[in-house]
Structure formats: structure tokens, C-alpha cells
Amino acid sequence: QVQLEESGGGLVQPGGSLRLSCAVSESIFSIDVVGWYRQAPGKERELVAEITSSAITYYADSVKGRFTISVDNANNAVYLQMNSLKPEDTAVYLCNLRRTVLATYNYWGQGTQVTVSS
């Protein structure tokens, strides 16, 4: 069972930056896709960014040019650098690892709260 633990959330003013970290309990395989989702109160969970082992990235339109996802395979970690934060970025951010071996398995962290407010 893969375990994920997020950290780095907090309160930040509009225009500020935060770096979220996700510690993965085992090696990130070449078949894995890792990503960050977020869920705001009363809204559905949405994919923010994800990255494959080939460094192919996807970003939601709302965060393009402001957020950057990266992976540190040596330390089994995933990061989300968030710049130029806006109040609408306020949400619980969750780390996800998707592994497909005959079937697709999704692993989730508990989430970390990001609040953007003056």
C-alpha cells in the first residue's frame, strides 16, 4: 500500500507563493503518474497538475504559468510550486499517485490546506 503525505500548506496573501511537498512511502515507478488535486468547499475535486515519468506535464488552465509540478525520484517526493496565488486557489490540496498494473490503482494523501487571503 503506497502512502502519501503532504506538507507545506498554509495562509498566504494574494500574489504570494507556497511550495507543497508530497512524501511517497516507496519508489515512484516509471509507470506511475503523480499529481496534485484540490477541493474547495462545496466544489468537486479537480486535477491541478500531473507529471509522468517522461516528464510530460498537464496543468489545469486556471494554474498554467503560475504552478509548476516536479518529481524528485531520489527522495520519492513530488512538489508543487505555486506562485502568484489568488483567493480562488484556496482549497485542500491532495497528492495522488496513479499506478496501472493490469488495473489502475489510485493512492491519495490526506491533504494540506492552502488559504489565500489578505
C-alpha atoms as a PDB file:
ATOM      1  CA  GLN A   1       0.000   0.000   0.000  1.00  0.00           C
ATOM      2  CA  VAL A   2       1.549   3.258  -1.129  1.00  0.00           C
ATOM      3  CA  GLN A   3       1.276   6.066   1.408  1.00  0.00           C
ATOM      4  CA  LEU A   4       1.418   9.744   0.576  1.00  0.00           C
ATOM      5  CA  GLU A   5       1.878  12.639   2.989  1.00  0.00           C
ATOM      6  CA  GLU A   6       1.511  16.274   2.002  1.00  0.00           C
ATOM      7  CA  SER A   7       3.054  19.283   3.688  1.00  0.00           C
ATOM      8  CA  GLY A   8       3.685  22.938   3.009  1.00  0.00           C
ATOM      9  CA  GLY A   9       0.187  24.371   3.063  1.00  0.00           C
ATOM     10  CA  GLY A  10      -0.762  27.474   4.981  1.00  0.00           C
ATOM     11  CA  LEU A  11      -2.105  31.003   4.833  1.00  0.00           C
ATOM     12  CA  VAL A  12      -0.644  33.316   2.219  1.00  0.00           C
ATOM     13  CA  GLN A  13      -1.579  36.711   0.854  1.00  0.00           C
ATOM     14  CA  PRO A  14      -2.732  37.142  -2.739  1.00  0.00           C
ATOM     15  CA  GLY A  15       0.264  37.288  -5.028  1.00  0.00           C
ATOM     16  CA  GLY A  16       2.337  35.170  -2.676  1.00  0.00           C
ATOM     17  CA  SER A  17       3.943  31.767  -3.140  1.00  0.00           C
ATOM     18  CA  LEU A  18       3.876  28.373  -1.484  1.00  0.00           C
ATOM     19  CA  ARG A  19       5.652  25.115  -2.187  1.00  0.00           C
ATOM     20  CA  LEU A  20       3.759  21.936  -1.434  1.00  0.00           C
ATOM     21  CA  SER A  21       5.601  18.687  -0.847  1.00  0.00           C
ATOM     22  CA  CYS A  22       4.370  15.119  -1.062  1.00  0.00           C
ATOM     23  CA  ALA A  23       6.408  12.340   0.514  1.00  0.00           C
ATOM     24  CA  VAL A  24       5.814   8.939  -1.081  1.00  0.00           C
ATOM     25  CA  SER A  25       6.413   5.832   1.019  1.00  0.00           C
ATOM     26  CA  GLU A  26       8.120   3.876  -1.761  1.00  0.00           C
ATOM     27  CA  SER A  27       9.894   4.367  -5.041  1.00  0.00           C
ATOM     28  CA  ILE A  28       7.992   6.127  -7.774  1.00  0.00           C
ATOM     29  CA  PHE A  29       7.897   3.687 -10.665  1.00  0.00           C
ATOM     30  CA  SER A  30       8.329   4.573 -14.305  1.00  0.00           C
ATOM     31  CA  ILE A  31       4.727   3.529 -14.900  1.00  0.00           C
ATOM     32  CA  ASP A  32       3.385   5.933 -12.269  1.00  0.00           C
ATOM     33  CA  VAL A  33       1.692   9.236 -12.866  1.00  0.00           C
ATOM     34  CA  VAL A  34       1.827  11.627  -9.910  1.00  0.00           C
ATOM     35  CA  GLY A  35      -0.228  14.711  -9.496  1.00  0.00           C
ATOM     36  CA  TRP A  36      -1.916  17.288  -7.333  1.00  0.00           C
ATOM     37  CA  TYR A  37      -5.651  17.744  -6.986  1.00  0.00           C
ATOM     38  CA  ARG A  38      -7.576  20.314  -4.991  1.00  0.00           C
ATOM     39  CA  GLN A  39     -11.000  20.530  -3.470  1.00  0.00           C
ATOM     40  CA  ALA A  40     -12.646  23.709  -2.300  1.00  0.00           C
ATOM     41  CA  PRO A  41     -15.719  23.730  -0.029  1.00  0.00           C
ATOM     42  CA  GLY A  42     -18.837  22.883  -1.997  1.00  0.00           C
ATOM     43  CA  LYS A  43     -16.889  22.099  -5.146  1.00  0.00           C
ATOM     44  CA  GLU A  44     -15.788  18.927  -6.848  1.00  0.00           C
ATOM     45  CA  ARG A  45     -12.236  17.707  -6.642  1.00  0.00           C
ATOM     46  CA  GLU A  46     -10.250  18.942  -9.624  1.00  0.00           C
ATOM     47  CA  LEU A  47      -6.930  17.997 -11.149  1.00  0.00           C
ATOM     48  CA  VAL A  48      -4.421  20.818 -10.803  1.00  0.00           C
ATOM     49  CA  ALA A  49      -1.291  19.289 -12.316  1.00  0.00           C
ATOM     50  CA  GLU A  50       0.264  15.924 -13.035  1.00  0.00           C
ATOM     51  CA  ILE A  51       3.511  14.569 -14.389  1.00  0.00           C
ATOM     52  CA  THR A  52       4.630  11.287 -15.919  1.00  0.00           C
ATOM     53  CA  SER A  53       7.997   9.567 -15.649  1.00  0.00           C
ATOM     54  CA  SER A  54       8.798  11.022 -19.080  1.00  0.00           C
ATOM     55  CA  ALA A  55       8.307  14.492 -17.602  1.00  0.00           C
ATOM     56  CA  ILE A  56       5.138  15.068 -19.598  1.00  0.00           C
ATOM     57  CA  THR A  57       3.081  17.539 -17.640  1.00  0.00           C
ATOM     58  CA  TYR A  58      -0.521  18.623 -17.547  1.00  0.00           C
ATOM     59  CA  TYR A  59      -1.818  21.779 -15.914  1.00  0.00           C
ATOM     60  CA  ALA A  60      -5.332  22.998 -15.429  1.00  0.00           C
ATOM     61  CA  ASP A  61      -5.949  26.182 -17.410  1.00  0.00           C
ATOM     62  CA  SER A  62      -6.550  28.075 -14.188  1.00  0.00           C
ATOM     63  CA  VAL A  63      -2.984  27.479 -12.955  1.00  0.00           C
ATOM     64  CA  LYS A  64      -0.942  27.475 -16.175  1.00  0.00           C
ATOM     65  CA  GLY A  65       2.022  29.796 -15.936  1.00  0.00           C
ATOM     66  CA  ARG A  66       1.714  30.049 -12.144  1.00  0.00           C
ATOM     67  CA  PHE A  67       2.170  26.499 -10.828  1.00  0.00           C
ATOM     68  CA  THR A  68       4.974  24.039 -11.519  1.00  0.00           C
ATOM     69  CA  ILE A  69       4.951  20.332 -10.684  1.00  0.00           C
ATOM     70  CA  SER A  70       8.156  18.380 -10.220  1.00  0.00           C
ATOM     71  CA  VAL A  71       9.339  14.981  -9.036  1.00  0.00           C
ATOM     72  CA  ASP A  72      12.438  14.036  -7.051  1.00  0.00           C
ATOM     73  CA  ASN A  73      12.836  10.308  -7.696  1.00  0.00           C
ATOM     74  CA  ALA A  74      15.903  10.034  -5.472  1.00  0.00           C
ATOM     75  CA  ASN A  75      13.862  11.162  -2.478  1.00  0.00           C
ATOM     76  CA  ASN A  76      10.462   9.753  -3.510  1.00  0.00           C
ATOM     77  CA  ALA A  77       8.897  13.206  -3.424  1.00  0.00           C
ATOM     78  CA  VAL A  78       6.565  15.306  -5.521  1.00  0.00           C
ATOM     79  CA  TYR A  79       6.400  19.084  -5.348  1.00  0.00           C
ATOM     80  CA  LEU A  80       4.015  21.798  -6.419  1.00  0.00           C
ATOM     81  CA  GLN A  81       5.461  25.291  -6.621  1.00  0.00           C
ATOM     82  CA  MET A  82       2.634  27.793  -6.547  1.00  0.00           C
ATOM     83  CA  ASN A  83       3.288  31.414  -7.467  1.00  0.00           C
ATOM     84  CA  SER A  84       1.046  34.437  -7.924  1.00  0.00           C
ATOM     85  CA  LEU A  85      -1.564  32.836  -5.725  1.00  0.00           C
ATOM     86  CA  LYS A  86      -5.159  34.025  -5.940  1.00  0.00           C
ATOM     87  CA  PRO A  87      -8.034  33.734  -3.465  1.00  0.00           C
ATOM     88  CA  GLU A  88      -9.671  31.237  -5.813  1.00  0.00           C
ATOM     89  CA  ASP A  89      -6.712  28.902  -5.277  1.00  0.00           C
ATOM     90  CA  THR A  90      -7.926  28.361  -1.716  1.00  0.00           C
ATOM     91  CA  ALA A  91      -8.606  24.652  -1.241  1.00  0.00           C
ATOM     92  CA  VAL A  92      -7.356  21.435   0.279  1.00  0.00           C
ATOM     93  CA  TYR A  93      -4.580  20.161  -1.951  1.00  0.00           C
ATOM     94  CA  LEU A  94      -4.167  16.409  -2.270  1.00  0.00           C
ATOM     95  CA  CYS A  95      -1.301  14.407  -3.669  1.00  0.00           C
ATOM     96  CA  ASN A  96      -2.162  11.481  -5.947  1.00  0.00           C
ATOM     97  CA  LEU A  97      -0.214   8.571  -7.355  1.00  0.00           C
ATOM     98  CA  ARG A  98      -1.817   6.582 -10.148  1.00  0.00           C
ATOM     99  CA  ARG A  99      -0.309   3.202 -10.953  1.00  0.00           C
ATOM    100  CA  THR A 100      -1.543   0.933 -13.716  1.00  0.00           C
ATOM    101  CA  VAL A 101      -0.564  -2.735 -13.443  1.00  0.00           C
ATOM    102  CA  LEU A 102      -3.329  -4.817 -15.062  1.00  0.00           C
ATOM    103  CA  ALA A 103      -5.694  -2.488 -13.225  1.00  0.00           C
ATOM    104  CA  THR A 104      -5.413   1.171 -12.216  1.00  0.00           C
ATOM    105  CA  TYR A 105      -4.767   1.983  -8.576  1.00  0.00           C
ATOM    106  CA  ASN A 106      -5.117   5.459  -7.115  1.00  0.00           C
ATOM    107  CA  TYR A 107      -3.363   6.410  -3.899  1.00  0.00           C
ATOM    108  CA  TRP A 108      -4.149   9.610  -2.002  1.00  0.00           C
ATOM    109  CA  GLY A 109      -2.691  11.663   0.770  1.00  0.00           C
ATOM    110  CA  GLN A 110      -4.762  13.308   3.489  1.00  0.00           C
ATOM    111  CA  GLY A 111      -4.391  16.756   2.003  1.00  0.00           C
ATOM    112  CA  THR A 112      -2.973  20.090   3.078  1.00  0.00           C
ATOM    113  CA  GLN A 113      -4.952  23.308   3.390  1.00  0.00           C
ATOM    114  CA  VAL A 114      -3.981  26.304   1.290  1.00  0.00           C
ATOM    115  CA  THR A 115      -5.700  29.579   2.103  1.00  0.00           C
ATOM    116  CA  VAL A 116      -5.090  32.688   0.030  1.00  0.00           C
ATOM    117  CA  SER A 117      -6.430  35.741   1.786  1.00  0.00           C
ATOM    118  CA  SER A 118      -5.436  39.236   2.776  1.00  0.00           C
END
